[in-house]
């Protein structure tokens, strides 16, 4: 990973949720490090702030449940 959220626990939670959403660690890491229009940054960069971390969780939840982002 290029950069990580401020808390190691946040990073672990985010990576776990991304793996659950995309089905593999490599796809999850790719998504976390790629620019996301709805976040205005890569998810890993957006997650550096508390509000950004919550936004990334919301996007992953929407993807996981087939909803629009």
N, C-alpha and C. Protein backbone atom coordinates (compact mmCIF):
# COMPACT_ATOMS: atom_id res chain seq x y z
N UNK A 1 0.83 -1.18 0.00
CA UNK A 1 0.00 0.00 0.00
C UNK A 1 0.88 1.25 0.00
N UNK A 2 0.44 2.26 -0.69
CA UNK A 2 1.21 3.49 -0.78
C UNK A 2 1.19 4.28 0.52
N UNK A 3 0.02 4.50 1.06
CA UNK A 3 -0.13 5.23 2.31
C UNK A 3 -1.25 4.58 3.08
N UNK A 4 -1.36 4.94 4.35
CA UNK A 4 -2.35 4.27 5.20
C UNK A 4 -3.06 5.29 6.07
N UNK A 5 -4.29 4.95 6.48
CA UNK A 5 -4.98 5.79 7.46
C UNK A 5 -4.13 5.92 8.72
N UNK A 6 -4.42 6.94 9.51
CA UNK A 6 -3.59 7.24 10.68
C UNK A 6 -3.54 6.10 11.70
N UNK A 7 -4.57 5.35 11.84
CA UNK A 7 -4.60 4.27 12.82
C UNK A 7 -4.41 2.92 12.14
N UNK A 8 -3.51 2.08 12.67
CA UNK A 8 -3.36 0.74 12.10
C UNK A 8 -4.66 -0.06 12.12
N UNK A 9 -5.48 0.15 13.16
CA UNK A 9 -6.76 -0.55 13.22
C UNK A 9 -7.69 -0.10 12.11
N UNK A 10 -7.65 1.19 11.78
CA UNK A 10 -8.48 1.69 10.68
C UNK A 10 -8.04 1.05 9.37
N UNK A 11 -6.74 0.97 9.16
CA UNK A 11 -6.23 0.36 7.94
C UNK A 11 -6.69 -1.09 7.85
N UNK A 12 -6.57 -1.83 8.93
CA UNK A 12 -6.98 -3.24 8.94
C UNK A 12 -8.46 -3.36 8.66
N UNK A 13 -9.27 -2.53 9.31
CA UNK A 13 -10.73 -2.56 9.09
C UNK A 13 -11.07 -2.26 7.64
N UNK A 14 -10.41 -1.25 7.09
CA UNK A 14 -10.67 -0.84 5.72
C UNK A 14 -10.25 -1.93 4.73
N UNK A 15 -9.08 -2.49 4.93
CA UNK A 15 -8.61 -3.56 4.04
C UNK A 15 -9.53 -4.78 4.13
N UNK A 16 -9.94 -5.13 5.33
CA UNK A 16 -10.84 -6.28 5.51
C UNK A 16 -12.17 -6.04 4.80
N UNK A 17 -12.73 -4.86 4.95
CA UNK A 17 -14.00 -4.53 4.29
C UNK A 17 -13.83 -4.54 2.77
N UNK A 18 -12.71 -4.01 2.29
CA UNK A 18 -12.46 -4.01 0.85
C UNK A 18 -12.30 -5.43 0.31
N UNK A 19 -11.59 -6.28 1.05
CA UNK A 19 -11.43 -7.68 0.62
C UNK A 19 -12.79 -8.38 0.61
N UNK A 20 -13.60 -8.15 1.63
CA UNK A 20 -14.94 -8.74 1.67
C UNK A 20 -15.78 -8.26 0.49
N UNK A 21 -15.59 -7.01 0.10
CA UNK A 21 -16.37 -6.43 -0.99
C UNK A 21 -15.92 -6.95 -2.35
N UNK A 22 -14.62 -7.00 -2.56
CA UNK A 22 -14.09 -7.34 -3.89
C UNK A 22 -13.63 -8.79 -4.03
N UNK A 23 -13.51 -9.52 -2.92
CA UNK A 23 -13.21 -10.94 -2.99
C UNK A 23 -11.75 -11.32 -3.02
N UNK A 24 -10.85 -10.35 -3.14
CA UNK A 24 -9.42 -10.69 -3.11
C UNK A 24 -8.62 -9.51 -2.59
N UNK A 25 -7.49 -9.82 -1.99
CA UNK A 25 -6.63 -8.78 -1.44
C UNK A 25 -6.06 -7.90 -2.55
N UNK A 26 -5.66 -8.50 -3.66
CA UNK A 26 -5.04 -7.71 -4.73
C UNK A 26 -6.04 -6.73 -5.34
N UNK A 27 -7.26 -7.15 -5.55
CA UNK A 27 -8.28 -6.25 -6.09
C UNK A 27 -8.62 -5.16 -5.07
N UNK A 28 -8.71 -5.54 -3.80
CA UNK A 28 -9.00 -4.58 -2.74
C UNK A 28 -7.91 -3.52 -2.66
N UNK A 29 -6.64 -3.95 -2.70
CA UNK A 29 -5.54 -3.00 -2.63
C UNK A 29 -5.52 -2.08 -3.84
N UNK A 30 -5.81 -2.63 -4.99
CA UNK A 30 -5.87 -1.82 -6.21
C UNK A 30 -6.96 -0.75 -6.08
N UNK A 31 -8.13 -1.14 -5.61
CA UNK A 31 -9.23 -0.19 -5.44
C UNK A 31 -8.86 0.88 -4.41
N UNK A 32 -8.28 0.47 -3.30
CA UNK A 32 -7.93 1.42 -2.25
C UNK A 32 -6.91 2.46 -2.72
N UNK A 33 -6.08 2.10 -3.67
CA UNK A 33 -5.03 3.00 -4.14
C UNK A 33 -5.37 3.74 -5.43
N UNK A 34 -6.54 3.48 -6.00
CA UNK A 34 -6.95 4.14 -7.24
C UNK A 34 -7.85 5.32 -6.95
N UNK A 35 -7.74 6.37 -7.77
CA UNK A 35 -8.57 7.56 -7.59
C UNK A 35 -10.05 7.18 -7.69
N UNK A 36 -10.85 7.74 -6.81
CA UNK A 36 -12.29 7.49 -6.78
C UNK A 36 -13.01 8.83 -6.90
N UNK A 37 -13.79 9.00 -7.96
CA UNK A 37 -14.48 10.28 -8.21
C UNK A 37 -15.40 10.69 -7.05
N UNK A 38 -16.10 9.74 -6.48
CA UNK A 38 -17.06 10.10 -5.42
C UNK A 38 -16.36 10.55 -4.14
N UNK A 39 -15.10 10.13 -3.96
CA UNK A 39 -14.33 10.53 -2.77
C UNK A 39 -13.43 11.73 -3.05
N UNK A 40 -13.13 11.98 -4.32
CA UNK A 40 -12.24 13.07 -4.69
C UNK A 40 -10.78 12.76 -4.40
N UNK A 41 -10.46 11.51 -4.19
CA UNK A 41 -9.10 11.05 -3.88
C UNK A 41 -9.12 9.53 -3.94
N UNK A 42 -7.96 8.94 -3.75
CA UNK A 42 -7.95 7.48 -3.60
C UNK A 42 -8.58 7.17 -2.24
N UNK A 43 -9.26 6.05 -2.11
CA UNK A 43 -9.86 5.71 -0.82
C UNK A 43 -8.85 5.71 0.33
N UNK A 44 -7.65 5.23 0.09
CA UNK A 44 -6.66 5.17 1.16
C UNK A 44 -6.26 6.58 1.61
N UNK A 45 -6.21 7.52 0.68
CA UNK A 45 -5.90 8.91 1.05
C UNK A 45 -7.10 9.58 1.72
N UNK A 46 -8.28 9.32 1.21
CA UNK A 46 -9.49 9.90 1.80
C UNK A 46 -9.67 9.43 3.24
N UNK A 47 -9.27 8.20 3.52
CA UNK A 47 -9.47 7.60 4.84
C UNK A 47 -8.52 8.14 5.90
N UNK A 48 -7.65 9.06 5.55
CA UNK A 48 -6.73 9.62 6.53
C UNK A 48 -7.45 10.51 7.54
N UNK A 49 -8.60 11.03 7.17
CA UNK A 49 -9.40 11.83 8.11
C UNK A 49 -10.56 10.97 8.61
N UNK A 50 -11.11 11.34 9.74
CA UNK A 50 -12.24 10.59 10.30
C UNK A 50 -13.44 10.60 9.37
N UNK A 51 -13.76 11.77 8.84
CA UNK A 51 -14.92 11.86 7.94
C UNK A 51 -14.65 11.11 6.65
N UNK A 52 -13.42 11.18 6.15
CA UNK A 52 -13.07 10.45 4.94
C UNK A 52 -13.13 8.95 5.14
N UNK A 53 -12.69 8.50 6.31
CA UNK A 53 -12.75 7.07 6.63
C UNK A 53 -14.19 6.59 6.58
N UNK A 54 -15.09 7.37 7.15
CA UNK A 54 -16.52 7.01 7.12
C UNK A 54 -17.07 7.02 5.70
N UNK A 55 -16.62 7.98 4.89
CA UNK A 55 -17.05 8.04 3.50
C UNK A 55 -16.61 6.80 2.73
N UNK A 56 -15.37 6.37 2.96
CA UNK A 56 -14.87 5.16 2.29
C UNK A 56 -15.69 3.95 2.72
N UNK A 57 -16.00 3.85 4.00
CA UNK A 57 -16.84 2.75 4.48
C UNK A 57 -18.20 2.77 3.80
N UNK A 58 -18.78 3.95 3.63
CA UNK A 58 -20.08 4.07 2.97
C UNK A 58 -20.02 3.63 1.51
N UNK A 59 -18.95 4.02 0.81
CA UNK A 59 -18.78 3.62 -0.58
C UNK A 59 -18.64 2.10 -0.68
N UNK A 60 -17.81 1.52 0.16
CA UNK A 60 -17.66 0.06 0.15
C UNK A 60 -18.96 -0.66 0.49
N UNK A 61 -19.69 -0.12 1.43
CA UNK A 61 -20.98 -0.72 1.79
C UNK A 61 -21.96 -0.65 0.62
N UNK A 62 -21.98 0.48 -0.07
CA UNK A 62 -22.86 0.62 -1.24
C UNK A 62 -22.47 -0.37 -2.33
N UNK A 63 -21.18 -0.49 -2.60
CA UNK A 63 -20.72 -1.44 -3.61
C UNK A 63 -21.09 -2.86 -3.19
N UNK A 64 -20.87 -3.17 -1.92
CA UNK A 64 -21.15 -4.52 -1.40
C UNK A 64 -22.61 -4.89 -1.51
N UNK A 65 -23.48 -3.89 -1.38
CA UNK A 65 -24.91 -4.16 -1.40
C UNK A 65 -25.55 -3.81 -2.75
N UNK A 66 -24.73 -3.52 -3.74
CA UNK A 66 -25.24 -3.27 -5.08
C UNK A 66 -25.91 -1.91 -5.25
N UNK A 67 -25.66 -1.00 -4.33
CA UNK A 67 -26.27 0.31 -4.42
C UNK A 67 -25.44 1.28 -5.22
N UNK A 68 -26.05 2.39 -5.57
CA UNK A 68 -25.34 3.45 -6.28
C UNK A 68 -24.45 4.21 -5.32
N UNK A 69 -23.36 4.68 -5.84
CA UNK A 69 -22.43 5.48 -5.03
C UNK A 69 -22.55 6.91 -5.44
